[in-house]
Amino acid sequence: MKILISSHAFAPSIGGIETVSALLAQEFVRLGHEVMLLTQTPAGDELDYPFPVLRRPSLGALLRALRWCDVYWQNNLSLRTLWPAVFFPRPVVITHQGSYCRQPAGFDFVQRMKHFVIRRASSVAISQAVAGCFAMPSRVIPNPFDARLFHPGSPTDDRPNELIFVGRLVSEKGLDVLLDALQQLQAKGLFPSLTIVGAGPELAAAQEKARELKLNNQVTFAGAKQGADLVTTLRAHKILVVPSRYEEPFGVVALEGIAAGCAVIGSRGGGLPEAIGPCGLTFPNGDATALATQIAQLLREPNERAHLLAGAAEHLARYHPEVVAREYLALFEEQLR
């Protein structure tokens, strides 16, 4: 099968869609299929992928790619690269990552057009929460995590640190909620360490808030990490906290944390609880007091972390790249019949 993938963002950009597109493209190739990937991300430090990457393709290059393929998979809807598909009778599958979940309001042409297209395409949602955003039914196929990279290490490995946050430093990720929860824990006589992994426009504000709350002795800003460096850092911590203020469409970071041996505490809205599964606890979005209560529970009951992670292998099996890739391939084959 010849699979054309549209991934508006791709490496060297760092993010969930970029990671998922690369993982599944490589799995498709490993399973014996041909892949070509389109992206609007310009070239950078190129990795050696087993498939060609067309960056910011011209209309001619896009049309040639569409003529070449058997099936066209858009990992998140991109109108820019979708409209030329009308010239070729190819099956189109669109995976909704959640960025256009909201219903159109007023004269919102782009949003209305996306919802119009969704009603006429084969749709995949990355979570039940995302599927519920649209009037038309979607098949739910979750995002995978890099199972070959993220693993817990030896059971005897020491985990000297308590809490870790991994994500872009933007307001919607809720780092301020976590810092408020840390201050409340001090009143309970608990002073856990927190490592903040990530970069972004809210870095200075987060550092200032940590100073204002007198958390400097507990909080370490570690900068952005990825790959083996991120795995090593996760494996030095007991609890991953995902305190998003908004409703996360899914949450690959939760899968990565679980795979690296961390119990997870995450916000309850959206698809994040689906990613956490039985391997963690949830709290209402934005509720620092509830978050502090959940953290205190895991700190005071050290056996609870092991209890939560007892089903980790079974939970994570659903999100292995090969499992997810085979679900997509079965869907593509259905569309070709």
Protein backbone atom coordinates (compact mmCIF):
# COMPACT_ATOMS: atom_id res chain seq x y z
CA MET A 1 0.00 0.00 0.00
CA LYS A 2 1.23 3.52 -0.82
CA ILE A 3 0.35 5.85 2.07
CA LEU A 4 0.56 9.62 1.80
CA ILE A 5 0.65 11.34 5.20
CA SER A 6 -0.10 14.99 5.86
CA SER A 7 1.42 16.22 9.13
CA HIS A 8 1.22 20.02 9.16
CA ALA A 9 3.90 20.07 11.88
CA PHE A 10 6.79 17.60 11.85
CA ALA A 11 10.38 17.26 13.03
CA PRO A 12 12.48 19.20 13.78
CA SER A 13 9.46 20.83 15.44
CA ILE A 14 8.69 19.15 18.79
CA GLY A 15 5.16 18.19 19.75
CA GLY A 16 2.59 15.44 20.00
CA ILE A 17 1.45 15.43 16.38
CA GLU A 18 5.04 15.44 15.16
CA THR A 19 5.88 12.44 17.37
CA VAL A 20 2.77 10.46 16.41
CA SER A 21 3.27 11.07 12.67
CA ALA A 22 6.89 9.88 12.83
CA LEU A 23 6.09 6.81 14.94
CA LEU A 24 3.25 5.61 12.73
CA ALA A 25 5.02 6.41 9.45
CA GLN A 26 7.97 4.30 10.57
CA GLU A 27 5.65 1.47 11.65
CA PHE A 28 3.87 1.51 8.29
CA VAL A 29 7.24 1.13 6.54
CA ARG A 30 8.34 -1.60 8.95
CA LEU A 31 5.13 -3.50 8.19
CA GLY A 32 5.91 -3.46 4.47
CA HIS A 33 4.17 -0.35 3.09
CA GLU A 34 5.47 2.67 1.17
CA VAL A 35 5.15 6.07 2.84
CA MET A 36 5.57 9.68 1.80
CA LEU A 37 5.02 12.52 4.28
CA LEU A 38 3.98 16.14 3.61
CA THR A 39 4.65 18.92 6.12
CA GLN A 40 4.72 22.70 6.38
CA THR A 41 7.66 22.56 8.83
CA PRO A 42 10.88 23.78 7.18
CA ALA A 43 14.03 21.70 7.18
CA GLY A 44 16.36 21.66 10.16
CA ASP A 45 18.67 19.06 11.61
CA GLU A 46 17.39 16.17 9.52
CA LEU A 47 16.87 12.75 11.03
CA ASP A 48 17.28 9.72 8.81
CA TYR A 49 13.71 8.60 8.13
CA PRO A 50 12.92 5.50 6.03
CA PHE A 51 10.53 7.55 3.88
CA PRO A 52 10.71 10.81 1.90
CA VAL A 53 9.58 14.04 3.58
CA LEU A 54 8.19 16.79 1.32
CA ARG A 55 8.54 20.13 3.11
CA ARG A 56 6.25 22.99 2.09
CA PRO A 57 5.49 21.26 -1.21
CA SER A 58 4.46 23.23 -4.24
CA LEU A 59 1.04 22.55 -5.74
CA GLY A 60 2.70 20.48 -8.44
CA ALA A 61 4.59 18.35 -5.90
CA LEU A 62 1.41 17.88 -3.88
CA LEU A 63 -0.54 16.76 -6.95
CA ARG A 64 2.21 14.31 -7.91
CA ALA A 65 2.16 12.87 -4.38
CA LEU A 66 -1.61 12.48 -4.51
CA ARG A 67 -1.37 10.74 -7.88
CA TRP A 68 1.26 8.37 -6.40
CA CYS A 69 -0.64 7.27 -3.28
CA ASP A 70 -3.33 4.65 -2.68
CA VAL A 71 -4.66 6.32 0.47
CA TYR A 72 -4.25 9.82 1.92
CA TRP A 73 -4.05 10.12 5.72
CA GLN A 74 -4.26 13.56 7.29
CA ASN A 75 -2.98 13.51 10.87
CA ASN A 76 -5.12 16.51 11.89
CA LEU A 77 -7.12 18.25 9.21
CA SER A 78 -5.20 20.67 6.99
CA LEU A 79 -7.37 22.42 4.41
CA ARG A 80 -4.22 23.70 2.69
CA THR A 81 -3.14 20.21 1.68
CA LEU A 82 -6.58 18.59 1.47
CA TRP A 83 -8.35 20.50 -1.30
CA PRO A 84 -6.16 19.18 -4.17
CA ALA A 85 -7.39 15.67 -3.28
CA VAL A 86 -10.65 16.48 -5.12
CA PHE A 87 -8.75 15.85 -8.38
CA PHE A 88 -7.92 12.24 -7.46
CA PRO A 89 -10.33 9.45 -6.42
CA ARG A 90 -8.28 8.38 -3.42
CA PRO A 91 -9.65 7.39 0.01
CA VAL A 92 -9.04 10.17 2.54
CA VAL A 93 -8.82 9.45 6.28
CA ILE A 94 -8.64 12.36 8.72
CA THR A 95 -7.49 11.96 12.32
CA HIS A 96 -8.80 14.62 14.70
CA GLN A 97 -6.24 15.61 17.32
CA GLY A 98 -8.61 18.06 19.00
CA SER A 99 -7.46 21.47 17.76
CA TYR A 100 -10.77 22.22 15.99
CA CYS A 101 -13.13 20.47 18.43
CA ARG A 102 -15.13 23.57 19.30
CA GLN A 103 -18.34 24.20 17.39
CA PRO A 104 -18.20 27.14 14.94
CA ALA A 105 -19.51 30.43 16.31
CA GLY A 106 -20.43 33.47 14.24
CA PHE A 107 -18.70 33.94 10.89
CA ASP A 108 -15.86 31.50 11.48
CA PHE A 109 -15.26 30.35 7.91
CA VAL A 110 -12.27 28.07 8.55
CA GLN A 111 -13.90 26.29 11.48
CA ARG A 112 -17.16 25.88 9.58
CA MET A 113 -15.32 24.52 6.56
CA LYS A 114 -13.45 22.00 8.70
CA HIS A 115 -16.67 20.73 10.26
CA PHE A 116 -18.23 20.56 6.78
CA VAL A 117 -15.31 18.45 5.52
CA ILE A 118 -15.43 16.16 8.56
CA ARG A 119 -19.03 15.22 7.76
CA ARG A 120 -17.89 13.92 4.37
CA ALA A 121 -14.65 12.12 5.25
CA SER A 122 -13.64 8.95 7.05
CA SER A 123 -12.94 10.22 10.56
CA VAL A 124 -10.69 9.01 13.35
CA ALA A 125 -10.68 10.56 16.83
CA ILE A 126 -7.77 10.10 19.23
CA SER A 127 -10.09 9.73 22.25
CA GLN A 128 -13.72 9.30 23.15
CA ALA A 129 -13.62 12.91 24.35
CA VAL A 130 -12.58 14.16 20.90
CA ALA A 131 -15.11 11.89 19.15
CA GLY A 132 -17.85 13.52 21.21
CA CYS A 133 -17.03 16.94 19.75
CA PHE A 134 -18.43 16.14 16.31
CA ALA A 135 -21.91 15.44 15.01
CA MET A 136 -20.73 12.60 12.76
CA PRO A 137 -19.36 9.36 14.25
CA SER A 138 -15.61 8.81 14.35
CA ARG A 139 -13.63 5.64 14.86
CA VAL A 140 -11.53 5.99 18.01
CA ILE A 141 -7.86 5.09 17.50
CA PRO A 142 -5.64 6.52 20.23
CA ASN A 143 -2.21 8.03 19.74
CA PRO A 144 0.77 5.73 20.36
CA PHE A 145 3.82 6.34 22.53
CA ASP A 146 7.38 5.34 21.71
CA ALA A 147 7.41 1.93 23.40
CA ARG A 148 10.98 1.25 22.31
CA LEU A 149 12.26 4.36 24.08
CA PHE A 150 10.11 4.69 27.21
CA HIS A 151 10.45 1.89 29.77
CA PRO A 152 10.83 1.84 33.56
CA GLY A 153 14.38 0.51 33.85
CA SER A 154 15.36 -1.85 36.64
CA PRO A 155 12.84 -2.31 39.49
CA THR A 156 15.71 -1.65 41.88
CA ASP A 157 16.56 1.73 40.38
CA ASP A 158 16.43 4.52 42.96
CA ARG A 159 13.88 7.29 42.35
CA PRO A 160 15.24 10.13 44.48
CA ASN A 161 12.74 12.78 43.34
CA GLU A 162 9.01 13.03 43.94
CA LEU A 163 7.22 15.15 41.31
CA ILE A 164 7.86 15.96 37.66
CA PHE A 165 6.03 18.17 35.14
CA VAL A 166 6.71 17.72 31.41
CA GLY A 167 5.22 20.08 28.85
CA ARG A 168 5.33 23.42 27.09
CA LEU A 169 5.38 26.32 29.50
CA VAL A 170 2.12 27.94 28.39
CA SER A 171 -0.81 29.00 30.55
CA GLU A 172 -3.15 26.22 29.38
CA LYS A 173 -0.80 23.52 30.72
CA GLY A 174 -1.58 24.60 34.29
CA LEU A 175 1.88 24.80 35.83
CA ASP A 176 0.59 27.64 38.03
CA VAL A 177 -2.03 25.24 39.45
CA LEU A 178 0.73 22.81 40.40
CA LEU A 179 2.79 25.53 42.06
CA ASP A 180 -0.25 26.64 44.08
CA ALA A 181 -0.77 23.01 45.14
CA LEU A 182 2.87 22.81 46.31
CA GLN A 183 2.34 25.85 48.53
CA GLN A 184 -0.77 24.23 50.04
CA LEU A 185 1.21 21.06 50.72
CA GLN A 186 3.65 23.05 52.85
CA ALA A 187 0.80 23.73 55.28
CA LYS A 188 0.34 19.95 55.53
CA GLY A 189 4.02 19.50 56.39
CA LEU A 190 4.87 18.10 52.96
CA PHE A 191 7.74 19.55 50.90
CA PRO A 192 8.11 17.38 47.77
CA SER A 193 10.65 18.21 45.10
CA LEU A 194 9.36 19.23 41.65
CA THR A 195 11.33 19.09 38.42
CA ILE A 196 9.85 21.20 35.60
CA VAL A 197 10.84 19.91 32.17
CA GLY A 198 9.94 22.19 29.29
CA ALA A 199 10.33 25.60 27.72
CA GLY A 200 7.94 28.25 26.51
CA PRO A 201 6.68 31.81 26.87
CA GLU A 202 5.53 31.35 30.49
CA LEU A 203 8.98 30.37 31.81
CA ALA A 204 9.76 33.75 33.42
CA ALA A 205 6.27 33.99 34.95
CA ALA A 206 6.58 30.47 36.40
CA GLN A 207 10.00 31.24 37.87
CA GLU A 208 8.66 34.43 39.44
CA LYS A 209 5.65 32.60 40.88
CA ALA A 210 7.91 29.95 42.41
CA ARG A 211 9.90 32.73 44.09
CA GLU A 212 6.77 34.49 45.33
CA LEU A 213 5.45 31.26 46.84
CA LYS A 214 8.85 30.56 48.44
CA LEU A 215 9.23 27.28 46.56
CA ASN A 216 12.77 27.85 45.32
CA ASN A 217 14.20 25.08 47.49
CA GLN A 218 11.72 22.57 46.07
CA VAL A 219 11.50 23.50 42.39
CA THR A 220 14.06 22.90 39.63
CA PHE A 221 13.59 24.28 36.11
CA ALA A 222 15.37 21.71 33.94
CA GLY A 223 14.65 23.10 30.47
CA ALA A 224 13.37 21.13 27.49
CA LYS A 225 14.33 17.47 27.19
CA GLN A 226 13.54 14.75 24.70
CA GLY A 227 14.62 11.25 23.76
CA ALA A 228 16.83 9.26 26.10
CA ASP A 229 17.51 12.33 28.25
CA LEU A 230 13.78 12.69 28.99
CA VAL A 231 13.46 8.98 29.76
CA THR A 232 16.36 9.13 32.23
CA THR A 233 14.81 12.15 33.93
CA LEU A 234 11.36 10.53 34.23
CA ARG A 235 12.91 7.38 35.71
CA ALA A 236 14.40 9.49 38.53
CA HIS A 237 10.90 10.57 39.66
CA LYS A 238 7.93 8.88 41.31
CA ILE A 239 4.94 10.97 40.16
CA LEU A 240 4.22 12.76 36.88
CA VAL A 241 1.75 15.62 37.25
CA VAL A 242 -0.27 16.78 34.22
CA PRO A 243 -2.30 19.72 35.59
CA SER A 244 -3.75 21.11 32.34
CA ARG A 245 -6.30 23.89 32.72
CA TYR A 246 -7.94 23.08 29.40
CA GLU A 247 -9.44 19.77 28.33
CA GLU A 248 -6.55 17.78 26.88
CA PRO A 249 -7.64 15.89 23.75
CA PHE A 250 -5.58 12.89 24.88
CA GLY A 251 -2.18 12.94 26.60
CA VAL A 252 0.77 10.97 25.21
CA VAL A 253 2.92 12.46 27.99
CA ALA A 254 0.87 10.43 30.49
CA LEU A 255 1.66 7.22 28.56
CA GLU A 256 5.36 8.14 28.49
CA GLY A 257 5.36 8.77 32.23
CA ILE A 258 3.60 5.49 32.99
CA ALA A 259 5.97 3.59 30.70
CA ALA A 260 8.91 5.16 32.54
CA GLY A 261 7.52 3.98 35.89
CA CYS A 262 5.74 7.10 37.14
CA ALA A 263 2.26 7.13 38.60
CA VAL A 264 0.30 10.00 37.05
CA ILE A 265 -1.91 12.69 38.53
CA GLY A 266 -3.80 14.54 35.82
CA SER A 267 -6.72 16.87 35.25
CA ARG A 268 -10.06 15.21 34.69
CA GLY A 269 -11.48 17.02 31.65
CA GLY A 270 -11.11 15.82 28.07
CA GLY A 271 -9.25 12.71 26.98
CA LEU A 272 -6.42 12.76 29.52
CA PRO A 273 -8.15 10.25 31.87
CA GLU A 274 -8.31 7.79 28.95
CA ALA A 275 -4.52 7.96 28.64
CA ILE A 276 -3.98 7.68 32.41
CA GLY A 277 -6.34 4.72 32.75
CA PRO A 278 -5.85 2.77 36.01
CA CYS A 279 -2.29 4.06 36.45
CA GLY A 280 -3.02 7.31 38.26
CA LEU A 281 -5.43 9.74 39.83
CA THR A 282 -7.43 12.67 38.44
CA PHE A 283 -8.69 15.97 39.81
CA PRO A 284 -10.99 18.74 38.51
CA ASN A 285 -9.23 21.04 36.03
CA GLY A 286 -7.79 24.13 37.70
CA ASP A 287 -8.47 22.94 41.29
CA ALA A 288 -5.17 23.36 43.16
CA THR A 289 -6.68 22.18 46.46
CA ALA A 290 -7.88 18.90 44.94
CA LEU A 291 -4.50 18.45 43.27
CA ALA A 292 -2.71 18.98 46.60
CA THR A 293 -4.95 16.33 48.17
CA GLN A 294 -4.07 13.79 45.45
CA ILE A 295 -0.34 14.49 45.74
CA ALA A 296 -0.50 14.15 49.52
CA GLN A 297 -2.26 10.80 49.16
CA LEU A 298 0.52 9.36 47.01
CA LEU A 299 3.29 10.84 49.15
CA ARG A 300 1.84 9.51 52.40
CA GLU A 301 0.98 6.08 51.00
CA PRO A 302 4.12 4.94 49.14
CA ASN A 303 2.58 1.54 48.32
CA GLU A 304 -0.21 3.28 46.40
CA ARG A 305 2.12 4.10 43.51
CA ALA A 306 2.99 0.44 43.06
CA HIS A 307 -0.71 -0.44 43.28
CA LEU A 308 -1.59 2.07 40.53
CA LEU A 309 1.18 0.82 38.26
CA ALA A 310 0.34 -2.87 38.71
CA GLY A 311 -1.71 -2.84 35.51
CA ALA A 312 0.64 -0.60 33.53
CA ALA A 313 1.82 -3.22 31.04
CA GLU A 314 -1.73 -4.24 30.13
CA HIS A 315 -2.84 -0.60 29.88
CA LEU A 316 0.11 0.44 27.71
CA ALA A 317 -0.26 -2.48 25.30
CA ARG A 318 -3.25 -0.70 23.73
CA TYR A 319 -0.97 2.21 22.75
CA HIS A 320 2.02 0.34 21.32
CA PRO A 321 2.98 1.81 17.91
CA GLU A 322 2.53 -1.52 16.11
CA VAL A 323 -0.94 -2.03 17.61
CA VAL A 324 -2.05 1.46 16.60
CA ALA A 325 -0.44 1.19 13.15
CA ARG A 326 -2.28 -2.08 12.44
CA GLU A 327 -5.58 -0.43 13.38
CA TYR A 328 -4.91 2.32 10.85
CA LEU A 329 -3.84 -0.17 8.19
CA ALA A 330 -7.06 -2.14 8.68
CA LEU A 331 -9.03 1.09 8.26
CA PHE A 332 -7.08 2.05 5.12
CA GLU A 333 -7.73 -1.38 3.62
CA GLU A 334 -11.45 -1.01 4.35
CA GLN A 335 -11.45 2.29 2.47
CA LEU A 336 -9.78 0.69 -0.56
CA ARG A 337 -12.39 -2.03 -0.97
